Protein backbone atom coordinates (compact mmCIF):
# COMPACT_ATOMS: atom_id res chain seq x y z
CA MET A 1 4.13 22.21 -54.57
CA GLN A 2 1.29 20.32 -52.90
CA ASN A 3 1.77 16.18 -52.46
CA THR A 4 -0.94 13.61 -51.12
CA ILE A 5 -0.45 10.35 -49.67
CA THR A 6 -3.18 8.23 -48.77
CA GLN A 7 -2.10 4.39 -47.43
CA THR A 8 -4.76 2.32 -45.50
CA SER A 9 -3.78 -0.40 -42.78
CA ILE A 10 -5.10 -3.58 -40.81
CA ILE A 11 -5.33 -3.06 -37.21
CA ASP A 12 -6.16 -5.34 -34.77
CA THR A 13 -7.84 -3.21 -31.96
CA THR A 14 -11.62 -1.98 -30.80
CA LEU A 15 -13.93 0.73 -32.72
CA GLU A 16 -14.54 1.28 -28.98
CA SER A 17 -9.95 1.99 -28.11
CA PHE A 18 -8.86 3.60 -31.73
CA PRO A 19 -10.31 7.06 -31.25
CA VAL A 20 -7.61 6.60 -27.77
CA LEU A 21 -4.91 5.10 -29.98
CA ALA A 22 -4.98 7.09 -32.71
CA VAL A 23 -4.91 10.02 -30.71
CA ASN A 24 -2.53 9.38 -28.62
CA ALA A 25 -0.40 7.75 -31.57
CA LEU A 26 -0.77 11.09 -33.77
CA ASP A 27 -0.07 13.27 -30.15
CA ARG A 28 3.26 11.57 -30.00
CA LEU A 29 5.16 11.88 -33.34
CA GLY A 30 5.02 15.45 -32.81
CA TYR A 31 1.33 16.26 -34.65
CA SER A 32 -1.05 18.92 -33.33
CA VAL A 33 -4.72 17.08 -33.42
CA SER A 34 -7.59 20.01 -34.52
CA ARG A 35 -10.26 17.54 -33.87
CA ALA A 36 -11.65 13.92 -32.87
CA SER A 37 -14.97 12.77 -33.83
CA LYS A 38 -16.18 9.84 -33.03
CA GLN A 39 -19.28 10.44 -34.50
CA LEU A 40 -17.20 10.66 -38.34
CA ASP A 41 -14.79 8.09 -37.48
CA GLN A 42 -12.34 11.13 -38.21
CA VAL A 43 -9.21 12.09 -36.41
CA LEU A 44 -7.23 15.52 -38.00
CA ALA A 45 -4.01 15.84 -37.09
CA VAL A 46 -1.65 18.51 -38.43
CA GLU A 47 2.31 19.02 -37.61
CA ARG A 48 4.38 22.08 -39.01
CA LEU A 49 7.36 22.38 -38.43
CA ASP A 50 10.43 25.55 -39.24
CA GLU A 51 14.17 23.68 -40.64
CA GLN A 52 17.19 25.68 -41.01
CA VAL A 53 19.19 24.31 -43.68
CA GLY A 54 22.37 27.11 -44.26
CA ARG A 55 20.88 29.97 -44.30
CA ASP A 56 17.55 29.64 -45.88
CA TRP A 57 14.88 28.93 -43.76
CA TRP A 58 12.18 25.86 -45.28
CA ARG A 59 8.96 26.09 -43.31
CA HIS A 60 6.96 23.10 -43.73
CA GLU A 61 3.39 22.31 -43.25
CA TYR A 62 1.49 18.68 -43.39
CA ARG A 63 -1.97 17.54 -42.03
CA VAL A 64 -3.25 15.18 -41.44
CA VAL A 65 -7.02 12.92 -41.90
CA LEU A 66 -7.13 9.39 -40.11
CA ASN A 67 -10.75 7.57 -41.15
CA TRP A 68 -11.43 4.56 -39.16
CA SER A 69 -13.52 1.57 -40.06
CA LEU A 70 -14.65 -1.90 -38.77
CA ALA A 71 -12.78 -4.32 -41.26
CA VAL A 72 -14.72 -7.16 -42.97
CA SER A 73 -11.91 -10.12 -41.63
CA GLY A 74 -12.00 -8.31 -38.23
CA GLY A 75 -9.94 -5.71 -36.62
CA ILE A 76 -9.70 -1.75 -37.58
CA GLN A 77 -9.40 -0.41 -41.35
CA ALA A 78 -7.99 2.67 -40.68
CA GLU A 79 -6.66 4.85 -43.97
CA VAL A 80 -4.37 7.68 -43.13
CA GLU A 81 -3.91 10.44 -45.70
CA ILE A 82 -1.16 13.28 -45.67
CA ARG A 83 -1.37 16.37 -47.48
CA GLU A 84 2.18 18.64 -47.39
CA VAL A 85 0.28 22.13 -47.49
CA LYS A 86 3.57 24.26 -47.10
CA GLY A 87 7.19 23.29 -47.80
CA GLY A 88 8.90 21.42 -50.58
CA GLY A 89 8.90 17.96 -49.75
CA THR A 90 8.21 14.41 -52.06
CA LYS A 91 5.86 12.35 -52.22
CA HIS A 92 8.01 9.49 -50.45
CA ASP A 93 8.95 12.05 -47.24
CA CYS A 94 4.35 11.59 -46.97
CA GLN A 95 4.22 7.70 -47.79
CA ARG A 96 7.51 7.48 -44.70
CA ARG A 97 4.89 9.59 -42.44
CA ALA A 98 2.10 7.70 -42.95
CA ASP A 99 3.32 4.58 -42.01
CA GLU A 100 5.19 5.79 -39.31
CA ILE A 101 1.38 6.72 -37.98
CA ILE A 102 0.36 3.36 -39.27
CA SER A 103 3.68 1.85 -37.15
CA ASP A 104 2.56 3.88 -34.36
CA CYS A 105 -0.89 2.83 -34.04
CA LYS A 106 0.14 -1.06 -34.69
CA GLN A 107 2.47 -0.70 -31.25
CA MET A 108 0.60 0.91 -28.93
CA ARG A 109 -2.03 -1.80 -30.06
CA GLY A 110 -0.25 -3.84 -28.68
CA ALA A 111 1.32 -2.56 -25.13
CA PRO A 112 0.19 -2.89 -22.05
CA LYS A 113 -2.39 -1.17 -19.92
CA VAL A 114 -3.60 -0.84 -16.49
CA SER A 115 -5.82 1.21 -15.36
CA LEU A 116 -5.24 3.47 -12.51
CA ARG A 117 -8.35 0.90 -10.58
CA GLN A 118 -5.80 -1.93 -10.99
CA ARG A 119 -2.69 -1.23 -9.75
CA PRO A 120 -2.09 -1.96 -6.60
CA HIS A 121 -1.92 1.27 -4.10
CA PRO A 122 1.37 2.18 -2.05
CA PRO A 123 0.96 0.98 1.41
CA HIS A 124 0.00 4.06 3.30
CA MET A 125 -2.91 4.96 0.80
CA VAL A 126 -4.68 1.58 2.23
CA LEU A 127 -7.54 2.67 4.37
CA PRO A 128 -8.01 0.73 7.66
CA SER A 129 -11.34 -1.44 6.97
CA GLY A 130 -15.03 0.32 7.17
CA ALA A 131 -12.76 3.95 6.85
CA MET A 132 -14.47 4.46 3.25
CA ASN A 133 -18.08 3.43 3.91
CA LYS A 134 -18.02 6.39 7.76
CA ARG A 135 -16.95 8.94 4.37
CA CYS A 136 -19.65 7.68 2.35
CA ARG A 137 -22.43 8.10 5.12
CA LYS A 138 -20.95 11.15 5.69
CA LEU A 139 -21.08 12.33 2.10
CA ASP A 140 -24.00 11.31 1.64
CA ILE A 141 -23.19 8.67 -1.56
């Protein structure tokens, strides 16, 4: 039996950073992202699970469609649709998965971010002054 659940939530982040945040959240939760489109404002992902109960094996497959748009109140309005394609799960299982995705996106947006450009270089990596200019002139940069 196929179960489907749709959940919408506001996430306090920017339109530019949300696609990366969503893909990383899905990946961290074990989903395989099959397509991420900034043009369509959509991420498609799937999770396939094999579970053994006694001597029986259960195969589950969950498909995720994550859409987003700018929220009127600010931030991003994210809509998560989870559909169980295979398996014997319940709507509650799909709801729990949607909650996990939304929760992970909200946690990630609050995580401190330090880009490689902002990190201090270890002392052995710092070039003497002028060394980069000489190297760049040789490469015609």
